């Protein structure tokens, strides 16, 4: 089978900036639309159900992320294996990797749905969720985890396509299903008055459609990444390498998300208005993070393909080009949201106290996100080289350990205020920035082309 140049992208030749940009833009737009699933849920319940429902949906994000981030770590490992095979033109290994990762994905769908039923209420209690929010949050999570398989299948299918440079068609599917989610949200909540159950059902139904679309594409294509159902099996050698790269990333993301459950617990102690404001801030914060996260994924694929092709120097130059691009885009979005924080938070609610809290968190933390341009892109590049343990150790020590020490010392011995608790995020970002650069220089032995 021959690769069709319209659907795969060879990143081992051509303009580095052009390749990164062409790869990142569809991915960035796709991530925006994927985020709209939960963001639209928050907007709809905030405007049509109430402040407590808004706080409930927003506060569940950390719990959902623990499952999704772990799986996404696995998909990162799968993407590295497939991208390296593509760069080396090893089509047999690529085929085995596609069948292995999709078989494991179906197994994860069953495991995550079953686990969700058992962890929902204990996790909400661990977060010190207030009584006026608890039942709504439990309801939303129970329904969400029952249908999480659609999200997992779509994410793995997208990872397979990204590994060969195709970010356009996953974007088309996300645009369609995001619009579908908005329609279903309004139908269930405004039309049927289904409340928080309605937004949950709208989300899982939309994600199921995205999964069916991606499976149909992978099954019917004649490209080199075709999914052949009769060959579906788990190759242990491929699985071991996939976990070697992806498991550290997944563990790091899960533990970070778990530690953020404790951050949410600190926030919850300030009441539902602060919880809702923090939820709004987190949604806007995620939009600022999108460019750097998309470019980090681009760096992983770019580095993987070029390492597979034996072009280590090109991989290194691409890493720092990506960081500079991430700085420019992220800085522009951060400035806009800093200047218009109140109207941005006002999209989610018209409650004055919630808007005040959300804008306060935005004004305090926004520009510190620029440190994460280096953090995420370097981590993506290192994973593309096959080194996932280094970024995991650095991010766990800064995003988890240091952050929790800061919060404990702050709240017990200095001052327990919402603004200072929220500043726990930048504390971790800045420390990670320093360690990540030092580690990359140590790992590669290269200091040139560092960002200014």
Protein backbone atom coordinates (compact mmCIF):
# COMPACT_ATOMS: atom_id res chain seq x y z
CA UNK A 1 0.00 0.00 0.00
CA UNK A 2 1.23 3.46 -0.80
CA UNK A 3 0.78 6.48 1.39
CA UNK A 4 -1.44 9.16 -0.08
CA UNK A 5 0.28 12.49 0.39
CA UNK A 6 -3.04 14.22 0.94
CA UNK A 7 -3.61 12.38 4.22
CA UNK A 8 -0.13 11.71 5.60
CA UNK A 9 2.65 14.20 6.32
CA UNK A 10 6.35 13.38 6.09
CA UNK A 11 7.99 15.79 8.56
CA UNK A 12 11.55 14.67 7.85
CA UNK A 13 11.96 17.15 4.96
CA UNK A 14 10.94 20.72 4.14
CA UNK A 15 10.57 23.88 6.22
CA UNK A 16 10.61 23.13 9.94
CA UNK A 17 8.35 26.05 10.89
CA UNK A 18 6.02 25.29 7.99
CA UNK A 19 5.73 21.63 8.97
CA UNK A 20 5.07 22.46 12.63
CA UNK A 21 2.49 25.10 11.74
CA UNK A 22 0.69 22.93 9.18
CA UNK A 23 0.54 20.10 11.72
CA UNK A 24 -0.39 22.24 14.72
CA UNK A 25 -3.20 24.41 13.34
CA UNK A 26 -5.72 21.62 12.63
CA UNK A 27 -4.69 19.95 15.89
CA UNK A 28 -5.20 23.20 17.80
CA UNK A 29 -8.63 23.74 16.28
CA UNK A 30 -9.47 20.10 17.02
CA UNK A 31 -8.45 20.50 20.65
CA UNK A 32 -10.60 23.63 20.91
CA UNK A 33 -13.63 21.75 19.67
CA UNK A 34 -12.88 18.78 21.95
CA UNK A 35 -12.73 21.15 24.90
CA UNK A 36 -16.08 22.56 23.87
CA UNK A 37 -17.71 19.33 25.05
CA UNK A 38 -17.24 20.08 28.73
CA UNK A 39 -17.08 23.86 28.29
CA UNK A 40 -20.50 23.95 26.67
CA UNK A 41 -21.80 21.76 29.50
CA UNK A 42 -20.54 24.37 31.97
CA UNK A 43 -22.03 27.29 30.01
CA UNK A 44 -25.42 25.61 29.65
CA UNK A 45 -25.79 24.57 33.28
CA UNK A 46 -24.38 27.91 34.47
CA UNK A 47 -26.98 29.87 32.51
CA UNK A 48 -29.98 27.53 32.57
CA UNK A 49 -29.65 25.41 35.73
CA UNK A 50 -27.77 27.37 38.42
CA UNK A 51 -24.58 28.18 40.30
CA UNK A 52 -24.48 24.88 42.19
CA UNK A 53 -24.82 22.86 38.97
CA UNK A 54 -22.04 24.93 37.38
CA UNK A 55 -19.79 24.21 40.35
CA UNK A 56 -20.70 20.51 40.15
CA UNK A 57 -19.79 20.08 36.48
CA UNK A 58 -16.66 22.21 36.80
CA UNK A 59 -15.39 20.42 39.89
CA UNK A 60 -15.62 17.02 38.17
CA UNK A 61 -12.98 17.99 35.61
CA UNK A 62 -10.07 16.88 37.79
CA UNK A 63 -11.59 13.42 38.29
CA UNK A 64 -12.36 12.93 34.59
CA UNK A 65 -8.86 14.10 33.73
CA UNK A 66 -7.29 11.38 35.85
CA UNK A 67 -8.77 8.73 33.57
CA UNK A 68 -8.39 10.60 30.29
CA UNK A 69 -4.81 11.73 30.98
CA UNK A 70 -3.71 8.18 31.81
CA UNK A 71 -5.15 6.91 28.56
CA UNK A 72 -3.69 9.82 26.61
CA UNK A 73 -0.27 8.84 27.96
CA UNK A 74 -0.81 5.43 26.39
CA UNK A 75 -1.85 7.10 23.12
CA UNK A 76 1.35 9.19 23.22
CA UNK A 77 3.38 5.97 23.37
CA UNK A 78 1.36 4.52 20.50
CA UNK A 79 1.94 7.67 18.46
CA UNK A 80 5.71 7.50 18.99
CA UNK A 81 5.84 3.85 17.85
CA UNK A 82 3.72 4.57 14.77
CA UNK A 83 5.54 7.81 13.89
CA UNK A 84 8.96 6.14 14.17
CA UNK A 85 7.77 3.26 12.02
CA UNK A 86 6.45 5.75 9.48
CA UNK A 87 9.71 7.74 9.50
CA UNK A 88 11.74 4.54 9.04
CA UNK A 89 9.27 3.24 6.39
CA UNK A 90 8.73 0.07 8.44
CA UNK A 91 5.15 -0.63 7.33
CA UNK A 92 4.91 -4.06 8.99
CA UNK A 93 5.71 -2.62 12.41
CA UNK A 94 3.29 0.25 11.78
CA UNK A 95 0.47 -2.21 10.99
CA UNK A 96 1.15 -4.28 14.13
CA UNK A 97 1.21 -1.11 16.25
CA UNK A 98 -2.19 0.05 14.94
CA UNK A 99 -3.85 -3.30 15.69
CA UNK A 100 -2.20 -3.61 19.12
CA UNK A 101 -3.10 -0.12 20.31
CA UNK A 102 -6.71 -0.36 19.13
CA UNK A 103 -7.15 -3.74 20.84
CA UNK A 104 -5.86 -2.25 24.09
CA UNK A 105 -8.15 0.74 23.65
CA UNK A 106 -11.23 -1.49 23.57
CA UNK A 107 -10.03 -3.17 26.75
CA UNK A 108 -9.50 0.22 28.43
CA UNK A 109 -13.07 1.22 27.50
CA UNK A 110 -14.45 -1.63 29.60
CA UNK A 111 -12.03 -1.09 32.49
CA UNK A 112 -12.61 2.67 32.76
CA UNK A 113 -16.39 2.39 32.65
CA UNK A 114 -16.33 -0.20 35.42
CA UNK A 115 -13.84 1.75 37.55
CA UNK A 116 -15.84 4.98 37.21
CA UNK A 117 -18.80 3.43 38.99
CA UNK A 118 -16.66 2.73 42.07
CA UNK A 119 -14.46 5.82 42.35
CA UNK A 120 -16.98 8.62 41.76
CA UNK A 121 -18.35 9.18 45.25
CA UNK A 122 -15.11 8.43 47.16
CA UNK A 123 -13.25 10.95 44.99
CA UNK A 124 -15.90 13.62 45.53
CA UNK A 125 -15.66 13.09 49.29
CA UNK A 126 -11.87 13.29 49.08
CA UNK A 127 -12.29 16.71 47.43
CA UNK A 128 -14.50 17.88 50.33
CA UNK A 129 -17.31 18.56 47.86
CA UNK A 130 -20.04 20.64 49.59
CA UNK A 131 -23.45 19.04 50.15
CA UNK A 132 -25.22 21.45 47.79
CA UNK A 133 -22.95 20.32 44.93
CA UNK A 134 -22.30 16.64 45.77
CA UNK A 135 -25.39 14.95 44.26
CA UNK A 136 -25.19 16.85 40.96
CA UNK A 137 -21.48 16.09 40.63
CA UNK A 138 -22.03 12.38 41.37
CA UNK A 139 -24.82 12.17 38.79
CA UNK A 140 -22.75 13.84 36.08
CA UNK A 141 -19.71 11.64 36.70
CA UNK A 142 -21.69 8.39 36.83
CA UNK A 143 -23.23 9.03 33.41
CA UNK A 144 -19.95 10.35 31.95
CA UNK A 145 -17.91 7.30 32.92
CA UNK A 146 -20.61 4.94 31.62
CA UNK A 147 -20.06 6.41 28.15
CA UNK A 148 -16.34 7.24 28.29
CA UNK A 149 -15.52 4.60 25.68
CA UNK A 150 -16.46 6.96 22.85
CA UNK A 151 -13.86 9.49 23.96
CA UNK A 152 -11.12 6.85 24.34
CA UNK A 153 -11.71 5.34 20.90
CA UNK A 154 -11.74 8.74 19.24
CA UNK A 155 -8.54 9.84 21.04
CA UNK A 156 -6.64 6.70 20.00
CA UNK A 157 -7.86 6.96 16.42
CA UNK A 158 -6.70 10.57 16.36
CA UNK A 159 -3.30 9.57 17.78
CA UNK A 160 -2.87 7.06 14.96
CA UNK A 161 -3.68 9.70 12.35
CA UNK A 162 -1.45 12.32 14.02
CA UNK A 163 1.49 9.93 13.97
CA UNK A 164 1.41 9.90 10.16
CA UNK A 165 0.81 13.65 10.01
CA UNK A 166 -2.96 13.73 9.39
CA UNK A 167 -4.59 16.26 11.71
CA UNK A 168 -7.29 17.48 9.32
CA UNK A 169 -9.87 14.71 9.39
CA UNK A 170 -9.97 14.34 13.18
CA UNK A 171 -10.69 18.09 13.15
CA UNK A 172 -13.63 17.66 10.78
CA UNK A 173 -15.12 14.96 13.01
CA UNK A 174 -14.71 17.15 16.10
CA UNK A 175 -16.36 20.15 14.48
CA UNK A 176 -19.35 18.02 13.57
CA UNK A 177 -19.72 16.31 16.95
CA UNK A 178 -19.08 19.54 18.91
CA UNK A 179 -21.96 21.20 17.09
CA UNK A 180 -24.01 18.08 17.76
CA UNK A 181 -23.14 18.33 21.46
CA UNK A 182 -24.34 21.95 21.61
CA UNK A 183 -27.63 21.00 19.95
CA UNK A 184 -28.14 18.04 22.29
CA UNK A 185 -27.24 20.14 25.36
CA UNK A 186 -29.90 22.69 24.49
CA UNK A 187 -32.39 19.96 23.58
CA UNK A 188 -31.97 18.06 26.85
CA UNK A 189 -31.59 21.03 29.21
CA UNK A 190 -33.72 23.78 27.69
CA UNK A 191 -36.19 21.61 25.82
CA UNK A 192 -36.62 18.63 28.15
CA UNK A 193 -35.47 20.33 31.40
CA UNK A 194 -33.24 17.33 32.08
CA UNK A 195 -30.75 19.40 34.10
CA UNK A 196 -27.33 17.99 34.80
CA UNK A 197 -28.29 14.56 33.47
CA UNK A 198 -29.06 16.18 30.15
CA UNK A 199 -25.61 17.69 29.61
CA UNK A 200 -23.99 14.39 30.57
CA UNK A 201 -26.08 12.41 28.08
CA UNK A 202 -25.44 15.01 25.37
CA UNK A 203 -21.70 14.66 25.90
CA UNK A 204 -21.46 10.87 25.80
CA UNK A 205 -23.79 10.60 22.79
CA UNK A 206 -21.69 13.11 20.85
CA UNK A 207 -18.48 11.33 21.79
CA UNK A 208 -19.97 8.01 20.67
CA UNK A 209 -20.63 9.51 17.23
CA UNK A 210 -17.00 10.74 17.01
CA UNK A 211 -15.81 7.21 17.86
CA UNK A 212 -17.95 5.66 15.12
CA UNK A 213 -16.65 8.17 12.58
CA UNK A 214 -12.99 7.54 13.41
CA UNK A 215 -13.45 3.76 13.35
CA UNK A 216 -15.19 3.96 9.98
CA UNK A 217 -12.29 6.01 8.59
CA UNK A 218 -9.59 3.68 9.91
CA UNK A 219 -11.46 0.59 8.68
CA UNK A 220 -12.33 1.81 5.17
CA UNK A 221 -9.12 3.65 4.26
CA UNK A 222 -6.56 2.12 1.91
CA UNK A 223 -3.70 4.00 3.59
CA UNK A 224 -0.78 2.39 5.41
CA UNK A 225 -2.43 2.91 8.80
CA UNK A 226 -5.59 0.93 7.93
CA UNK A 227 -7.26 -0.92 10.83
CA UNK A 228 -7.81 -4.57 9.86
CA UNK A 229 -10.25 -6.10 12.35
CA UNK A 230 -9.29 -9.71 11.64
CA UNK A 231 -5.69 -8.83 12.57
CA UNK A 232 -6.74 -7.24 15.87
CA UNK A 233 -4.37 -8.64 18.47
CA UNK A 234 -1.93 -7.53 21.16
CA UNK A 235 1.72 -7.85 20.17
CA UNK A 236 3.63 -7.93 23.45
CA UNK A 237 6.86 -6.41 22.08
CA UNK A 238 4.95 -3.46 20.63
CA UNK A 239 2.89 -3.13 23.80
CA UNK A 240 6.01 -3.10 26.01
CA UNK A 241 7.60 -0.30 24.02
CA UNK A 242 4.33 1.64 23.87
CA UNK A 243 4.04 1.45 27.65
CA UNK A 244 7.73 2.28 28.10
CA UNK A 245 7.15 5.60 26.35
CA UNK A 246 3.52 6.24 27.23
CA UNK A 247 3.15 4.88 30.75
CA UNK A 248 5.46 7.45 32.41
CA UNK A 249 3.55 10.23 30.64
CA UNK A 250 0.25 8.71 31.73
CA UNK A 251 1.37 8.19 35.32
CA UNK A 252 2.69 11.75 35.50
CA UNK A 253 -0.61 13.12 34.18
CA UNK A 254 -2.71 10.98 36.53
CA UNK A 255 -0.70 11.88 39.63
CA UNK A 256 -0.75 15.55 38.64
CA UNK A 257 -4.52 15.39 38.15
CA UNK A 258 -4.84 13.56 41.48
CA UNK A 259 -2.82 16.25 43.23
CA UNK A 260 -5.09 18.83 41.64
CA UNK A 261 -7.99 17.08 43.37
CA UNK A 262 -6.40 18.31 46.61
CA UNK A 263 -6.02 21.80 45.12
CA UNK A 264 -9.74 21.61 44.34
CA UNK A 265 -10.28 20.60 47.97
CA UNK A 266 -8.55 23.80 49.14
CA UNK A 267 -10.72 25.82 46.75
CA UNK A 268 -13.89 24.02 47.87
CA UNK A 269 -13.33 25.26 51.42
CA UNK A 270 -14.15 28.80 50.22
CA UNK A 271 -17.71 27.89 49.14
CA UNK A 272 -19.70 27.34 45.94
CA UNK A 273 -19.13 30.84 44.51
CA UNK A 274 -15.35 30.42 44.68
CA UNK A 275 -15.68 26.87 43.32
CA UNK A 276 -17.69 28.12 40.37
CA UNK A 277 -15.22 30.96 39.75
CA UNK A 278 -12.31 28.52 39.86
CA UNK A 279 -14.16 26.27 37.41
CA UNK A 280 -14.62 29.18 34.99
CA UNK A 281 -10.96 30.15 35.33
CA UNK A 282 -9.88 26.57 34.61
CA UNK A 283 -11.92 26.48 31.41
CA UNK A 284 -10.33 29.71 30.18
CA UNK A 285 -6.90 28.55 31.36
CA UNK A 286 -7.28 25.43 29.22
CA UNK A 287 -7.93 27.56 26.14
CA UNK A 288 -4.68 29.48 26.76
CA UNK A 289 -2.89 26.13 27.10
CA UNK A 290 -4.21 24.81 23.78
CA UNK A 291 -1.54 26.26 21.44
CA UNK A 292 1.38 24.99 23.51
CA UNK A 293 -0.25 21.57 24.01
CA UNK A 294 -0.94 21.26 20.29
CA UNK A 295 2.61 22.28 19.46
CA UNK A 296 3.93 19.85 22.07
CA UNK A 297 2.09 17.07 20.21
CA UNK A 298 3.57 18.39 16.98
CA UNK A 299 7.04 18.27 18.59
CA UNK A 300 6.49 14.64 19.61
CA UNK A 301 5.55 13.59 16.08
CA UNK A 302 8.23 15.78 14.45
CA UNK A 303 11.00 14.46 16.69
CA UNK A 304 9.76 10.85 16.42
CA UNK A 305 9.69 10.89 12.62
CA UNK A 306 13.09 12.59 12.35
CA UNK A 307 14.73 10.29 14.90
CA UNK A 308 13.31 7.36 12.96
CA UNK A 309 14.84 8.82 9.79
CA UNK A 310 18.22 9.38 11.50
CA UNK A 311 17.94 13.21 11.52
CA UNK A 312 18.68 14.07 15.16
CA UNK A 313 19.95 17.59 14.44
CA UNK A 314 16.77 18.47 12.55
CA UNK A 315 14.75 17.10 15.48
CA UNK A 316 16.67 19.41 17.87
CA UNK A 317 16.19 22.50 15.70
CA UNK A 318 12.49 21.70 15.36
CA UNK A 319 12.11 21.58 19.14
CA UNK A 320 13.28 25.16 19.71
CA UNK A 321 11.42 26.45 16.66
CA UNK A 322 8.26 25.01 18.19
CA UNK A 323 8.92 26.72 21.53
CA UNK A 324 9.34 30.12 19.91
CA UNK A 325 6.10 29.67 17.99
CA UNK A 326 4.29 28.59 21.16
CA UNK A 327 5.50 31.70 23.01
CA UNK A 328 4.09 34.01 20.34
CA UNK A 329 0.64 32.44 20.10
CA UNK A 330 0.21 31.81 23.83
CA UNK A 331 1.31 35.33 24.74
CA UNK A 332 -1.30 36.88 22.44
CA UNK A 333 -4.16 34.78 23.84
CA UNK A 334 -3.02 35.37 27.43
CA UNK A 335 -2.99 39.14 26.92
CA UNK A 336 -6.50 39.16 25.44
CA UNK A 337 -7.96 37.10 28.29
CA UNK A 338 -6.12 39.17 30.90
CA UNK A 339 -7.62 42.38 29.51
CA UNK A 340 -11.11 40.94 29.11
CA UNK A 341 -11.22 38.59 32.10
CA UNK A 342 -14.61 39.71 33.44
CA UNK A 343 -16.49 39.40 30.11
CA UNK A 344 -14.80 36.05 29.48
CA UNK A 345 -15.90 34.65 32.85
CA UNK A 346 -19.31 36.21 32.25
CA UNK A 347 -19.85 33.79 29.36
CA UNK A 348 -20.33 31.04 31.94
CA UNK A 349 -22.54 32.84 34.45
CA UNK A 350 -24.19 36.13 35.36
CA UNK A 351 -23.54 35.68 39.09
CA UNK A 352 -21.44 38.70 40.20
CA UNK A 353 -19.55 36.85 42.94
CA UNK A 354 -18.59 34.03 40.60
CA UNK A 355 -17.35 36.50 37.98
CA UNK A 356 -15.30 38.31 40.62
CA UNK A 357 -13.57 35.11 41.73
CA UNK A 358 -12.96 33.90 38.16
CA UNK A 359 -11.47 37.24 37.05
CA UNK A 360 -9.24 37.33 40.14
CA UNK A 361 -7.74 33.93 39.30
CA UNK A 362 -7.27 35.00 35.66
CA UNK A 363 -5.47 38.23 36.59
CA UNK A 364 -3.18 36.42 39.04
CA UNK A 365 -2.10 33.41 36.98
CA UNK A 366 -2.51 34.13 33.27
CA UNK A 367 0.93 35.31 32.17
CA UNK A 368 2.74 32.66 34.20
CA UNK A 369 1.39 30.15 31.69
CA UNK A 370 4.17 31.25 29.32
CA UNK A 371 6.56 29.11 31.36
CA UNK A 372 4.56 26.10 30.25
CA UNK A 373 5.45 26.74 26.59
CA UNK A 374 8.91 25.39 27.42
CA UNK A 375 7.63 22.78 29.86
CA UNK A 376 5.21 21.06 27.50
CA UNK A 377 7.14 21.36 24.22
CA UNK A 378 10.38 20.03 25.75
CA UNK A 379 8.46 17.19 27.39
CA UNK A 380 6.87 16.36 24.03
CA UNK A 381 10.24 16.43 22.28
CA UNK A 382 11.85 14.20 24.90
CA UNK A 383 9.02 11.67 24.56
CA UNK A 384 9.56 11.76 20.82
CA UNK A 385 13.17 10.72 21.53
CA UNK A 386 11.85 7.82 23.60
CA UNK A 387 12.59 9.44 26.98
CA UNK A 388 9.38 9.68 28.97
CA UNK A 389 10.83 9.09 32.44
CA UNK A 390 12.77 12.36 32.63
CA UNK A 391 9.78 14.64 31.95
CA UNK A 392 7.68 12.49 34.29
CA UNK A 393 10.12 12.89 37.19
CA UNK A 394 10.46 16.64 36.65
CA UNK A 395 6.74 17.31 36.34
CA UNK A 396 5.84 15.14 39.31
CA UNK A 397 8.42 16.85 41.52
CA UNK A 398 7.22 20.34 40.55
CA UNK A 399 3.52 20.02 39.64
CA UNK A 400 2.77 17.63 42.51
CA UNK A 401 5.32 17.57 45.32
CA UNK A 402 6.39 21.21 45.31
CA UNK A 403 2.82 22.42 44.75
CA UNK A 404 1.46 20.39 47.65
CA UNK A 405 4.26 21.58 49.95
CA UNK A 406 3.50 25.16 48.96
CA UNK A 407 -0.22 24.77 49.65
CA UNK A 408 0.30 23.05 52.99
CA UNK A 409 2.78 25.65 54.25
CA UNK A 410 0.69 28.50 52.87
CA UNK A 411 -2.63 27.47 54.37
CA UNK A 412 -1.27 26.33 57.73
CA UNK A 413 1.37 28.95 58.47
CA UNK A 414 0.99 32.00 56.21
CA UNK A 415 -2.42 32.93 54.77
CA UNK A 416 -5.31 30.84 53.50
CA UNK A 417 -6.79 33.02 50.73
CA UNK A 418 -8.25 32.03 47.33
CA UNK A 419 -5.70 34.12 45.39
CA UNK A 420 -2.68 32.55 47.09
CA UNK A 421 -4.12 29.04 46.84
CA UNK A 422 -4.67 29.56 43.12
CA UNK A 423 -1.06 30.74 42.79
CA UNK A 424 0.02 27.20 43.60
CA UNK A 425 -0.19 26.49 39.85
CA UNK A 426 2.45 29.09 38.79
CA UNK A 427 4.78 27.95 41.59
CA UNK A 428 4.97 24.51 39.94
CA UNK A 429 5.22 25.91 36.39
CA UNK A 430 8.21 28.11 37.18
CA UNK A 431 10.16 25.37 38.95
CA UNK A 432 9.45 22.95 36.10
CA UNK A 433 10.71 25.52 33.57
CA UNK A 434 14.15 25.64 35.17
CA UNK A 435 14.53 21.88 35.60
CA UNK A 436 13.18 21.02 32.15
CA UNK A 437 15.72 23.23 30.34
CA UNK A 438 18.62 21.89 32.41
CA UNK A 439 17.53 18.32 31.78
CA UNK A 440 17.14 18.81 28.03
CA UNK A 441 20.61 20.35 27.75
CA UNK A 442 22.02 17.47 29.81
CA UNK A 443 20.18 14.89 27.70
CA UNK A 444 21.12 16.26 24.29
CA UNK A 445 24.37 18.05 25.09
CA UNK A 446 23.15 20.99 23.04
CA UNK A 447 22.69 24.59 24.10
CA UNK A 448 22.29 26.42 20.82
CA UNK A 449 19.01 27.81 19.56
CA UNK A 450 17.70 28.32 23.08
CA UNK A 451 14.70 30.72 23.09
CA UNK A 452 15.38 34.33 24.01
